[in-house]
């Protein structure tokens, strides 16, 4: 009874905070509309469809503040926003009941607060009968590969890969990688494709009407943004994507794919004493579990290796940790280059586990697998059970809720295996050999051992297990430090002067500030973003 009462109290509190936040946003938006000078030049288009429903998400905040800063500099901005424009959207889909109606009313109200004082280009939904008939008898595999060009298009028009563009959203919203070929899943996939095509038609008309110089979208993985990016690039337009940065209250903007985190580091760049000290101070806190990612603090209390584990480890020749990822995460389409997916890699790992009883393998599930409101339905624990892996005497499984220190585990390891987890970069920083099986943010530079075929991964694993010692190239540690420094202190653009965590730390609320604070001369983040948008800059903080 008490927990139910607390639930309703928190719900009312969140509603009040959201209401006051929206009133503040609308007031500032109207003030921006009053203060902005007469726009000059061609506009920059801002696309909004997947950055929040009834509250201000961090990415919605980055979108809004950046557009305000541009407008106050006299740069025209064209907003393209959803007004019940999809029969099914990613954030509105209830994975337990995909047929439940979308929360369009609250979502449109939220967007109306953001764009107070200026009219966005709203798009609604229109079903395409020809497309609907083309989809009606297709299975999941066919839907995943589905491409389409409307009969109304002229001969020779290029098809749009709607199935491919919608597949990451299907996996994300259902919290699985391998989609079930059942009618519920097929129906949802069809509605996503129909909605994606509707976005494509309306966004094409919007681009034709506004003729922007560039398009800004949230990460480009969810199907509305993926379609918008595809349409814009087909027209030769520059597309900028953004995501939450590595530091608290920060954003990452890029001309590439934000979820792949492309970073250009000059070959001659070396950390000086001050930069090394700054990085070491961060790593000290990180190795103690004192960090957040996207507003989530995974390890409020990190525990060391207990006596039971140490006794078990003492009975083996060596320890090899295996760090996994969340199978549906938006990083996975980039990661799956060597293996079809993470479980395909784990199947190979299992074979080597059975062949090396002298080695203790510690398989660790990612803490995000059981995050509230984001729990995976295709888990490492499920794979472990299905494959009977914990029946092997040389396996320890650490679940996503266990706060055992990965860093102490790495220190005791012979080498470390990862799919594309950031822990691989940190293990490399600690001087440990790291065998990576999926493309990761840090594999764009030589930081770990990253074989390019599954057979090469197997051979390297065998070689490492049989070797008395493993040589780690010095460039791995050098590049790992350079890459992490850039991620933390050059690409993570601070918005803390404008935004603060809300009741749910995955959401944000607007701080009080004067409009002059949005001048790029007074904000290092907006200076980097506006330089990138207007002058082809690199979206990096100046040193």
Protein backbone atom coordinates (compact mmCIF):
# COMPACT_ATOMS: atom_id res chain seq x y z
CA UNK A 1 0.00 0.00 0.00
CA UNK A 2 2.83 2.36 0.93
CA UNK A 3 4.68 1.65 -2.33
CA UNK A 4 1.51 2.39 -4.34
CA UNK A 5 1.09 5.68 -2.47
CA UNK A 6 4.72 6.56 -3.17
CA UNK A 7 4.20 5.71 -6.85
CA UNK A 8 1.33 8.18 -7.16
CA UNK A 9 3.21 10.87 -5.22
CA UNK A 10 6.17 10.53 -7.59
CA UNK A 11 3.85 10.55 -10.59
CA UNK A 12 2.18 13.79 -9.43
CA UNK A 13 5.57 15.31 -8.67
CA UNK A 14 6.92 14.43 -12.12
CA UNK A 15 3.80 15.89 -13.70
CA UNK A 16 4.21 19.18 -11.83
CA UNK A 17 7.91 19.42 -12.65
CA UNK A 18 7.15 18.68 -16.32
CA UNK A 19 4.38 21.31 -16.37
CA UNK A 20 6.57 24.04 -14.85
CA UNK A 21 9.44 23.08 -17.16
CA UNK A 22 7.23 23.37 -20.23
CA UNK A 23 5.96 26.77 -19.09
CA UNK A 24 9.56 27.94 -18.72
CA UNK A 25 10.52 26.50 -22.13
CA UNK A 26 7.55 28.18 -23.83
CA UNK A 27 8.38 31.53 -22.18
CA UNK A 28 12.00 31.38 -23.34
CA UNK A 29 10.91 30.22 -26.82
CA UNK A 30 8.62 33.25 -27.16
CA UNK A 31 11.41 35.54 -25.98
CA UNK A 32 13.73 34.05 -28.60
CA UNK A 33 11.06 34.71 -31.24
CA UNK A 34 10.81 38.33 -30.08
CA UNK A 35 14.55 38.89 -29.90
CA UNK A 36 15.79 37.10 -33.02
CA UNK A 37 16.96 39.44 -35.80
CA UNK A 38 15.62 39.21 -39.32
CA UNK A 39 16.94 35.86 -40.66
CA UNK A 40 19.35 35.90 -43.57
CA UNK A 41 20.60 33.13 -45.83
CA UNK A 42 19.39 29.57 -46.27
CA UNK A 43 17.98 27.75 -43.25
CA UNK A 44 19.22 24.85 -41.18
CA UNK A 45 16.54 22.19 -40.74
CA UNK A 46 15.90 20.58 -37.34
CA UNK A 47 14.05 17.26 -37.38
CA UNK A 48 12.08 16.14 -34.30
CA UNK A 49 10.26 12.83 -33.99
CA UNK A 50 12.10 10.52 -31.53
CA UNK A 51 13.57 12.71 -28.77
CA UNK A 52 10.82 12.53 -26.16
CA UNK A 53 7.07 12.19 -25.72
CA UNK A 54 5.86 14.02 -22.62
CA UNK A 55 9.07 15.37 -21.13
CA UNK A 56 12.27 17.14 -22.16
CA UNK A 57 14.93 14.58 -23.06
CA UNK A 58 18.59 15.55 -23.12
CA UNK A 59 18.73 15.30 -26.92
CA UNK A 60 15.58 17.39 -27.24
CA UNK A 61 17.29 19.97 -25.05
CA UNK A 62 20.40 19.99 -27.24
CA UNK A 63 18.19 20.34 -30.33
CA UNK A 64 16.27 23.26 -28.84
CA UNK A 65 19.18 25.25 -27.41
CA UNK A 66 21.23 24.90 -30.59
CA UNK A 67 18.34 26.12 -32.73
CA UNK A 68 17.74 29.07 -30.37
CA UNK A 69 21.41 30.03 -30.56
CA UNK A 70 21.31 29.97 -34.36
CA UNK A 71 18.16 32.08 -34.53
CA UNK A 72 19.59 34.68 -32.14
CA UNK A 73 22.56 34.97 -34.53
CA UNK A 74 20.18 35.68 -37.42
CA UNK A 75 20.50 32.21 -38.95
CA UNK A 76 17.12 30.93 -40.23
CA UNK A 77 15.90 27.66 -38.74
CA UNK A 78 13.19 25.40 -40.18
CA UNK A 79 11.61 22.94 -37.74
CA UNK A 80 10.06 19.67 -38.96
CA UNK A 81 8.00 18.04 -36.21
CA UNK A 82 5.58 15.17 -35.80
CA UNK A 83 1.87 15.85 -35.32
CA UNK A 84 0.46 12.30 -35.12
CA UNK A 85 2.53 11.64 -38.23
CA UNK A 86 3.13 7.93 -37.61
CA UNK A 87 0.67 5.12 -36.99
CA UNK A 88 3.35 3.65 -34.71
CA UNK A 89 6.44 5.46 -33.41
CA UNK A 90 9.44 4.10 -31.54
CA UNK A 91 9.03 5.87 -28.20
CA UNK A 92 5.24 5.52 -28.21
CA UNK A 93 5.16 1.77 -28.85
CA UNK A 94 4.24 -0.38 -25.86
CA UNK A 95 6.25 -3.58 -26.35
CA UNK A 96 3.79 -5.55 -24.21
CA UNK A 97 0.83 -4.27 -26.19
CA UNK A 98 1.98 -2.96 -29.61
CA UNK A 99 -1.64 -2.30 -30.62
CA UNK A 100 -2.09 0.31 -27.88
CA UNK A 101 -2.74 3.78 -29.39
CA UNK A 102 0.17 6.20 -29.58
CA UNK A 103 0.44 8.97 -26.93
CA UNK A 104 0.18 11.66 -29.62
CA UNK A 105 -1.72 14.23 -27.55
CA UNK A 106 0.96 14.58 -24.87
CA UNK A 107 3.74 14.38 -27.43
CA UNK A 108 2.32 17.16 -29.63
CA UNK A 109 1.68 19.29 -26.53
CA UNK A 110 5.33 18.84 -25.53
CA UNK A 111 6.53 19.83 -29.00
CA UNK A 112 4.19 22.84 -29.03
CA UNK A 113 5.93 24.09 -25.87
CA UNK A 114 9.33 23.81 -27.55
CA UNK A 115 8.23 25.76 -30.61
CA UNK A 116 6.15 28.45 -28.93
CA UNK A 117 6.27 31.70 -30.87
CA UNK A 118 7.27 30.10 -34.16
CA UNK A 119 5.38 27.63 -36.32
CA UNK A 120 7.14 24.35 -37.12
CA UNK A 121 6.29 22.34 -40.21
CA UNK A 122 3.95 19.76 -38.68
CA UNK A 123 3.43 16.48 -40.51
CA UNK A 124 0.46 14.15 -40.10
CA UNK A 125 -0.14 10.57 -41.18
CA UNK A 126 -1.61 9.29 -44.44
CA UNK A 127 -1.73 5.58 -45.22
CA UNK A 128 -0.41 4.50 -48.62
CA UNK A 129 -2.69 1.80 -50.03
CA UNK A 130 -0.18 0.58 -52.63
CA UNK A 131 2.50 0.14 -49.98
CA UNK A 132 0.08 -1.53 -47.58
CA UNK A 133 -0.83 -4.13 -50.20
CA UNK A 134 2.87 -4.73 -50.99
CA UNK A 135 3.56 -5.51 -47.32
CA UNK A 136 0.55 -7.58 -46.32
CA UNK A 137 1.91 -11.10 -47.00
CA UNK A 138 5.58 -10.59 -46.11
CA UNK A 139 7.41 -12.38 -43.30
CA UNK A 140 10.00 -10.84 -40.97
CA UNK A 141 12.97 -11.68 -43.21
CA UNK A 142 11.26 -10.15 -46.25
CA UNK A 143 10.19 -7.09 -44.26
CA UNK A 144 13.78 -6.61 -43.05
CA UNK A 145 14.99 -6.45 -46.67
CA UNK A 146 12.01 -4.55 -48.06
CA UNK A 147 12.70 -1.69 -50.50
CA UNK A 148 10.09 0.52 -52.08
CA UNK A 149 9.46 3.12 -54.72
CA UNK A 150 5.96 4.48 -55.13
CA UNK A 151 4.14 3.80 -58.40
CA UNK A 152 3.61 7.57 -58.50
CA UNK A 153 7.37 8.15 -58.85
CA UNK A 154 8.85 8.58 -62.32
CA UNK A 155 10.57 5.59 -63.97
CA UNK A 156 14.10 5.09 -62.72
CA UNK A 157 13.46 6.61 -59.28
CA UNK A 158 15.68 5.04 -56.63
CA UNK A 159 14.08 2.66 -54.12
CA UNK A 160 14.33 3.48 -50.43
CA UNK A 161 15.43 0.60 -48.11
CA UNK A 162 12.56 0.98 -45.67
CA UNK A 163 13.02 -2.43 -44.06
CA UNK A 164 16.70 -1.84 -43.36
CA UNK A 165 15.99 1.65 -41.99
CA UNK A 166 13.28 0.31 -39.65
CA UNK A 167 15.05 -2.83 -38.41
CA UNK A 168 17.15 -1.18 -35.65
CA UNK A 169 13.98 0.44 -34.28
CA UNK A 170 12.19 -2.92 -34.22
CA UNK A 171 15.05 -4.47 -32.29
CA UNK A 172 15.31 -1.54 -29.91
CA UNK A 173 11.63 -1.27 -29.07
CA UNK A 174 11.18 -5.06 -28.62
CA UNK A 175 14.50 -5.30 -26.72
CA UNK A 176 15.70 -8.21 -28.84
CA UNK A 177 17.96 -8.81 -31.83
CA UNK A 178 16.32 -11.89 -33.35
CA UNK A 179 12.75 -10.92 -34.22
CA UNK A 180 9.97 -13.49 -33.85
CA UNK A 181 8.11 -14.18 -37.09
CA UNK A 182 4.65 -13.90 -35.54
CA UNK A 183 1.66 -11.77 -36.50
CA UNK A 184 2.17 -9.22 -33.69
CA UNK A 185 5.78 -8.58 -34.76
CA UNK A 186 4.90 -8.53 -38.47
CA UNK A 187 2.05 -6.06 -37.86
CA UNK A 188 4.32 -3.71 -35.92
CA UNK A 189 7.03 -3.96 -38.59
CA UNK A 190 4.48 -3.16 -41.32
CA UNK A 191 3.25 -0.12 -39.40
CA UNK A 192 6.83 1.10 -38.90
CA UNK A 193 7.47 0.77 -42.64
CA UNK A 194 4.21 2.57 -43.49
CA UNK A 195 5.12 5.31 -41.01
CA UNK A 196 8.67 5.55 -42.35
CA UNK A 197 7.32 5.99 -45.88
CA UNK A 198 4.99 8.73 -44.63
CA UNK A 199 7.97 10.50 -43.03
CA UNK A 200 9.90 10.15 -46.30
CA UNK A 201 7.12 11.72 -48.38
CA UNK A 202 6.49 14.63 -46.04
CA UNK A 203 10.15 15.29 -45.35
CA UNK A 204 10.92 15.29 -49.08
CA UNK A 205 8.23 17.94 -49.57
CA UNK A 206 9.64 19.93 -46.62
CA UNK A 207 13.15 19.86 -48.09
CA UNK A 208 11.81 20.93 -51.47
CA UNK A 209 9.99 23.83 -49.85
CA UNK A 210 12.71 25.05 -47.46
CA UNK A 211 15.88 24.10 -49.39
CA UNK A 212 18.06 24.00 -46.24
CA UNK A 213 21.84 24.09 -46.22
CA UNK A 214 22.00 21.26 -43.64
CA UNK A 215 19.79 18.95 -41.58
CA UNK A 216 20.19 18.22 -37.85
CA UNK A 217 18.75 14.96 -36.46
CA UNK A 218 18.95 12.89 -33.30
CA UNK A 219 21.38 9.93 -33.68
CA UNK A 220 20.02 8.68 -37.02
CA UNK A 221 19.23 5.14 -35.83
CA UNK A 222 15.51 5.27 -35.04
CA UNK A 223 13.48 4.96 -38.22
CA UNK A 224 12.12 8.55 -38.51
CA UNK A 225 15.61 10.03 -38.20
CA UNK A 226 17.17 7.24 -40.29
CA UNK A 227 14.70 8.02 -43.09
CA UNK A 228 15.25 11.78 -42.78
CA UNK A 229 19.01 11.29 -42.97
CA UNK A 230 18.70 8.97 -45.99
CA UNK A 231 16.40 11.40 -47.84
CA UNK A 232 18.65 14.37 -47.10
CA UNK A 233 21.83 12.58 -48.16
CA UNK A 234 20.15 11.44 -51.38
CA UNK A 235 19.71 15.14 -52.13
CA UNK A 236 23.37 15.83 -51.38
CA UNK A 237 22.60 17.68 -48.15
CA UNK A 238 24.88 17.70 -45.15
CA UNK A 239 23.41 15.80 -42.17
CA UNK A 240 24.55 16.37 -38.59
CA UNK A 241 23.60 13.84 -35.92
CA UNK A 242 23.80 14.26 -32.16
CA UNK A 243 23.79 12.08 -29.07
CA UNK A 244 24.43 12.32 -25.34
CA UNK A 245 28.16 12.84 -24.67
CA UNK A 246 30.41 10.80 -22.41
CA UNK A 247 30.49 13.40 -19.63
CA UNK A 248 27.39 14.36 -17.56
CA UNK A 249 25.15 17.02 -19.19
CA UNK A 250 27.10 16.95 -22.46
CA UNK A 251 26.28 16.46 -26.13
CA UNK A 252 28.16 14.96 -29.05
CA UNK A 253 27.59 16.42 -32.54
CA UNK A 254 29.09 15.00 -35.72
CA UNK A 255 28.87 14.95 -39.51
CA UNK A 256 29.05 11.15 -39.23
CA UNK A 257 26.93 8.63 -37.34
CA UNK A 258 26.72 9.75 -33.72
CA UNK A 259 26.26 6.20 -32.40
CA UNK A 260 29.54 5.16 -34.10
CA UNK A 261 31.30 8.16 -32.50
CA UNK A 262 33.71 9.11 -35.30
CA UNK A 263 36.61 11.20 -34.01
CA UNK A 264 39.52 12.67 -35.99
CA UNK A 265 42.64 12.85 -33.85
CA UNK A 266 45.69 14.46 -35.50
CA UNK A 267 48.53 11.96 -35.73
CA UNK A 268 50.90 14.41 -34.05
CA UNK A 269 48.65 14.97 -31.03
CA UNK A 270 50.26 13.91 -27.73
CA UNK A 271 48.92 14.55 -24.24
CA UNK A 272 50.95 17.07 -22.26
CA UNK A 273 51.47 16.89 -18.49
CA UNK A 274 48.32 18.84 -17.70
CA UNK A 275 46.18 16.74 -20.05
CA UNK A 276 47.61 13.50 -18.65
CA UNK A 277 46.81 14.66 -15.12
CA UNK A 278 43.26 15.58 -16.15
CA UNK A 279 42.69 12.17 -17.73
CA UNK A 280 44.20 10.32 -14.77
CA UNK A 281 41.90 12.17 -12.36
CA UNK A 282 38.89 11.01 -14.40
CA UNK A 283 40.16 7.42 -14.57
CA UNK A 284 40.69 7.31 -10.81
CA UNK A 285 37.01 8.09 -10.27
CA UNK A 286 35.93 5.77 -13.11
CA UNK A 287 37.85 2.81 -11.71
CA UNK A 288 36.04 3.33 -8.39
CA UNK A 289 32.65 3.19 -10.16
CA UNK A 290 31.98 6.93 -9.72
CA UNK A 291 30.54 7.79 -13.13
CA UNK A 292 27.29 8.14 -15.05
CA UNK A 293 26.33 7.38 -18.64
CA UNK A 294 23.30 9.07 -20.25
CA UNK A 295 22.13 10.09 -16.79
CA UNK A 296 22.40 6.57 -15.32
CA UNK A 297 24.74 5.76 -12.42
CA UNK A 298 25.30 2.04 -12.86
CA UNK A 299 27.50 1.35 -9.84
CA UNK A 300 26.37 3.32 -6.75
CA UNK A 301 28.48 0.87 -4.75
CA UNK A 302 31.24 -1.06 -6.48
CA UNK A 303 32.50 -4.14 -4.65
CA UNK A 304 35.90 -5.75 -4.86
CA UNK A 305 36.49 -9.42 -5.65
CA UNK A 306 35.24 -11.50 -2.71
CA UNK A 307 37.03 -14.37 -1.00
CA UNK A 308 34.85 -17.03 -2.66
CA UNK A 309 35.83 -15.79 -6.11
CA UNK A 310 39.50 -15.52 -5.21
CA UNK A 311 39.51 -19.10 -3.87
CA UNK A 312 37.90 -20.37 -7.06
CA UNK A 313 40.31 -18.39 -9.27
CA UNK A 314 43.29 -19.82 -7.36
CA UNK A 315 42.39 -23.26 -8.70
CA UNK A 316 42.99 -22.21 -12.33
CA UNK A 317 46.04 -21.37 -14.36
CA UNK A 318 44.69 -17.97 -15.47
CA UNK A 319 41.60 -15.75 -15.57
CA UNK A 320 39.98 -14.37 -18.75
CA UNK A 321 37.05 -11.94 -18.41
CA UNK A 322 34.43 -11.83 -21.19
CA UNK A 323 32.51 -8.52 -21.33
CA UNK A 324 29.23 -8.44 -23.22
CA UNK A 325 26.87 -5.76 -24.55
CA UNK A 326 23.14 -5.08 -24.75
CA UNK A 327 22.00 -6.90 -27.88
CA UNK A 328 19.45 -4.31 -29.08
CA UNK A 329 21.54 -1.19 -28.38
CA UNK A 330 21.89 1.37 -31.18
CA UNK A 331 25.65 0.71 -31.22
CA UNK A 332 25.10 -2.87 -32.40
CA UNK A 333 24.43 -2.18 -36.13
CA UNK A 334 27.92 -0.65 -36.23
CA UNK A 335 29.43 -3.46 -34.14
CA UNK A 336 28.18 -6.40 -36.20
CA UNK A 337 30.87 -6.46 -38.89
CA UNK A 338 32.81 -9.63 -38.03
CA UNK A 339 29.96 -11.62 -36.47
CA UNK A 340 26.26 -11.60 -37.25
CA UNK A 341 25.61 -10.50 -33.65
CA UNK A 342 27.05 -10.74 -30.16
CA UNK A 343 25.54 -14.17 -29.47
CA UNK A 344 27.21 -15.52 -32.60
CA UNK A 345 30.50 -14.43 -31.03
CA UNK A 346 29.58 -15.95 -27.66
CA UNK A 347 28.92 -19.28 -29.36
CA UNK A 348 32.50 -19.24 -30.61
CA UNK A 349 33.78 -18.23 -27.16
CA UNK A 350 31.88 -21.13 -25.62
CA UNK A 351 33.73 -23.59 -27.85
CA UNK A 352 37.08 -22.31 -26.60
CA UNK A 353 35.86 -22.35 -22.99
CA UNK A 354 35.16 -26.07 -23.33
CA UNK A 355 38.58 -26.64 -24.91
CA UNK A 356 40.50 -24.87 -22.11
CA UNK A 357 39.46 -26.27 -18.70
CA UNK A 358 42.65 -24.85 -17.15
CA UNK A 359 41.40 -21.27 -17.67
CA UNK A 360 38.70 -19.58 -15.61
CA UNK A 361 36.38 -17.56 -17.85
CA UNK A 362 34.35 -14.82 -16.17
CA UNK A 363 31.38 -13.82 -18.33
CA UNK A 364 29.98 -10.46 -17.32
CA UNK A 365 26.55 -9.18 -18.44
CA UNK A 366 26.24 -5.47 -19.17
CA UNK A 367 24.49 -3.53 -16.36
CA UNK A 368 22.14 -1.92 -18.90
CA UNK A 369 20.52 -5.30 -19.65
CA UNK A 370 18.11 -4.89 -16.75
CA UNK A 371 17.79 -1.10 -16.64
CA UNK A 372 14.33 0.05 -15.50
CA UNK A 373 12.02 0.59 -18.52
CA UNK A 374 14.77 -0.72 -20.81
CA UNK A 375 15.23 -4.35 -19.80
CA UNK A 376 16.50 -6.63 -22.54
CA UNK A 377 14.36 -9.59 -23.59
CA UNK A 378 17.28 -11.40 -25.18
CA UNK A 379 19.89 -11.57 -22.46
CA UNK A 380 23.28 -13.05 -21.78
CA UNK A 381 21.73 -14.85 -18.80
CA UNK A 382 19.25 -16.43 -21.21
CA UNK A 383 22.07 -17.49 -23.51
CA UNK A 384 24.01 -18.91 -20.54
CA UNK A 385 21.01 -20.99 -19.49
CA UNK A 386 20.18 -22.19 -23.01
CA UNK A 387 23.78 -23.29 -23.64
CA UNK A 388 24.26 -24.76 -20.11
CA UNK A 389 27.45 -22.72 -19.81
CA UNK A 390 27.42 -22.36 -16.02
CA UNK A 391 27.48 -26.14 -15.75
CA UNK A 392 31.11 -25.90 -16.84
CA UNK A 393 33.47 -25.79 -13.84
CA UNK A 394 35.65 -23.12 -15.48
CA UNK A 395 32.92 -20.50 -15.88
CA UNK A 396 31.71 -17.78 -13.52
CA UNK A 397 28.74 -15.69 -14.63
CA UNK A 398 28.29 -12.18 -13.23
CA UNK A 399 24.78 -10.84 -13.74
CA UNK A 400 23.86 -7.25 -14.67
CA UNK A 401 22.85 -6.32 -11.12
CA UNK A 402 26.10 -7.47 -9.49
CA UNK A 403 28.36 -4.53 -8.69
CA UNK A 404 31.63 -6.45 -8.65
CA UNK A 405 34.60 -4.35 -9.80
CA UNK A 406 35.40 -5.06 -13.43
CA UNK A 407 38.69 -3.24 -12.96
CA UNK A 408 39.97 -5.58 -10.25
CA UNK A 409 38.93 -8.44 -12.52
CA UNK A 410 40.93 -6.93 -15.39
CA UNK A 411 43.99 -6.51 -13.17
CA UNK A 412 43.98 -10.27 -12.43
CA UNK A 413 43.36 -11.29 -16.04
CA UNK A 414 45.72 -12.77 -18.61
CA UNK A 415 43.82 -10.95 -21.34
CA UNK A 416 40.35 -9.48 -21.81
CA UNK A 417 37.68 -10.34 -24.38
CA UNK A 418 35.01 -7.82 -25.38
CA UNK A 419 32.44 -7.43 -28.13
CA UNK A 420 32.35 -3.65 -28.42
CA UNK A 421 32.12 -2.55 -24.79
CA UNK A 422 33.96 0.58 -23.61
CA UNK A 423 35.57 -1.58 -20.91
CA UNK A 424 37.85 -2.81 -23.71
CA UNK A 425 39.31 0.67 -24.10
CA UNK A 426 39.79 0.95 -20.34
CA UNK A 427 41.48 -2.46 -20.15
CA UNK A 428 43.85 -1.31 -22.88
CA UNK A 429 44.57 1.81 -20.82
CA UNK A 430 45.50 -0.51 -17.97
CA UNK A 431 48.05 -2.20 -20.24
CA UNK A 432 46.13 -5.46 -20.67
CA UNK A 433 45.82 -7.33 -23.99
CA UNK A 434 42.27 -6.88 -25.33
CA UNK A 435 40.71 -9.12 -27.97
CA UNK A 436 37.78 -7.26 -29.53
CA UNK A 437 35.17 -9.04 -31.68
CA UNK A 438 32.88 -6.18 -32.75
CA UNK A 439 33.62 -2.78 -34.22
CA UNK A 440 33.67 -0.30 -31.35
CA UNK A 441 34.09 3.45 -31.04
CA UNK A 442 37.74 2.95 -30.13
CA UNK A 443 38.62 0.47 -32.92
CA UNK A 444 38.87 3.34 -35.41
CA UNK A 445 42.39 3.69 -33.94
CA UNK A 446 44.83 0.89 -33.01
CA UNK A 447 43.86 0.42 -29.35
CA UNK A 448 43.09 -3.32 -29.13
CA UNK A 449 43.55 -6.55 -31.09
CA UNK A 450 40.65 -6.52 -33.59
CA UNK A 451 40.75 -9.41 -36.11
CA UNK A 452 38.63 -8.87 -39.21
CA UNK A 453 37.11 -12.35 -39.63
CA UNK A 454 35.51 -14.84 -37.25
CA UNK A 455 38.24 -17.38 -38.04
CA UNK A 456 40.92 -14.84 -37.20
CA UNK A 457 39.16 -14.12 -33.89
CA UNK A 458 39.17 -17.85 -33.11
CA UNK A 459 42.84 -18.22 -34.02
CA UNK A 460 43.87 -15.18 -31.98
CA UNK A 461 41.86 -16.47 -29.00
CA UNK A 462 43.59 -19.86 -29.21
CA UNK A 463 47.00 -18.20 -29.50
CA UNK A 464 46.37 -15.98 -26.47
CA UNK A 465 45.14 -18.90 -24.37
CA UNK A 466 48.18 -20.98 -25.21
CA UNK A 467 50.78 -18.20 -24.99
CA UNK A 468 53.00 -17.85 -21.92
CA UNK A 469 53.00 -14.07 -22.38
CA UNK A 470 51.16 -11.67 -24.70
CA UNK A 471 52.95 -8.66 -26.14
CA UNK A 472 50.85 -5.48 -26.22
CA UNK A 473 52.04 -2.85 -28.73
CA UNK A 474 52.88 0.43 -27.01
CA UNK A 475 50.72 2.28 -29.55
CA UNK A 476 47.60 0.62 -28.07
CA UNK A 477 48.05 2.42 -24.73
CA UNK A 478 49.04 5.67 -26.45
CA UNK A 479 46.03 5.63 -28.76
CA UNK A 480 43.67 4.57 -25.97
CA UNK A 481 44.70 7.60 -23.89
CA UNK A 482 44.47 9.93 -26.86
CA UNK A 483 41.05 8.60 -27.86
CA UNK A 484 39.56 8.75 -24.37
CA UNK A 485 40.94 12.25 -23.82
CA UNK A 486 39.22 13.42 -27.02
CA UNK A 487 35.97 11.69 -26.04
CA UNK A 488 35.93 13.28 -22.61
CA UNK A 489 37.39 16.71 -23.11
CA UNK A 490 37.07 17.64 -26.78
CA UNK A 491 33.91 15.99 -28.15
CA UNK A 492 31.71 16.16 -25.00
CA UNK A 493 30.11 19.60 -25.32
CA UNK A 494 28.92 20.93 -21.94
CA UNK A 495 25.30 22.08 -21.61
CA UNK A 496 25.29 22.18 -17.81
CA UNK A 497 24.80 25.96 -17.75
CA UNK A 498 21.44 25.50 -19.51
CA UNK A 499 20.20 22.03 -18.51
CA UNK A 500 20.08 19.99 -15.32
CA UNK A 501 18.85 16.47 -14.51
CA UNK A 502 15.15 16.20 -13.81
CA UNK A 503 13.48 13.80 -11.36
CA UNK A 504 14.30 11.03 -13.79
CA UNK A 505 17.95 11.63 -14.57
CA UNK A 506 17.43 10.38 -18.14
CA UNK A 507 15.30 13.53 -18.60
CA UNK A 508 16.33 17.15 -18.16
CA UNK A 509 14.86 20.51 -17.32
CA UNK A 510 15.74 24.03 -18.33
CA UNK A 511 17.80 26.14 -15.96
CA UNK A 512 17.28 29.87 -15.59
CA UNK A 513 19.60 31.89 -17.82
CA UNK A 514 19.60 35.07 -19.89
CA UNK A 515 19.39 34.84 -23.68
CA UNK A 516 22.80 36.44 -24.03
CA UNK A 517 24.22 33.22 -22.54
CA UNK A 518 23.26 31.52 -25.83
CA UNK A 519 25.79 33.67 -27.67
CA UNK A 520 28.62 31.40 -28.88
CA UNK A 521 31.09 33.86 -27.39
CA UNK A 522 29.73 32.98 -23.94
CA UNK A 523 29.17 29.22 -24.37
CA UNK A 524 32.00 26.92 -25.41
CA UNK A 525 29.52 24.21 -26.41
CA UNK A 526 27.45 26.47 -28.67
CA UNK A 527 30.62 28.01 -30.07
CA UNK A 528 31.78 24.54 -31.19
CA UNK A 529 28.36 23.57 -32.55
CA UNK A 530 27.69 26.79 -34.46
CA UNK A 531 31.22 26.73 -35.88
CA UNK A 532 30.53 23.18 -37.06
CA UNK A 533 27.14 24.01 -38.53
CA UNK A 534 28.02 27.32 -40.18
CA UNK A 535 31.72 27.04 -40.99
CA UNK A 536 32.32 23.29 -41.50
CA UNK A 537 34.06 23.07 -38.12
CA UNK A 538 34.84 19.83 -36.30
CA UNK A 539 32.38 20.19 -33.36
CA UNK A 540 35.29 20.01 -30.91
CA UNK A 541 35.89 22.13 -27.84
CA UNK A 542 38.84 24.44 -28.19
CA UNK A 543 41.79 23.66 -25.94
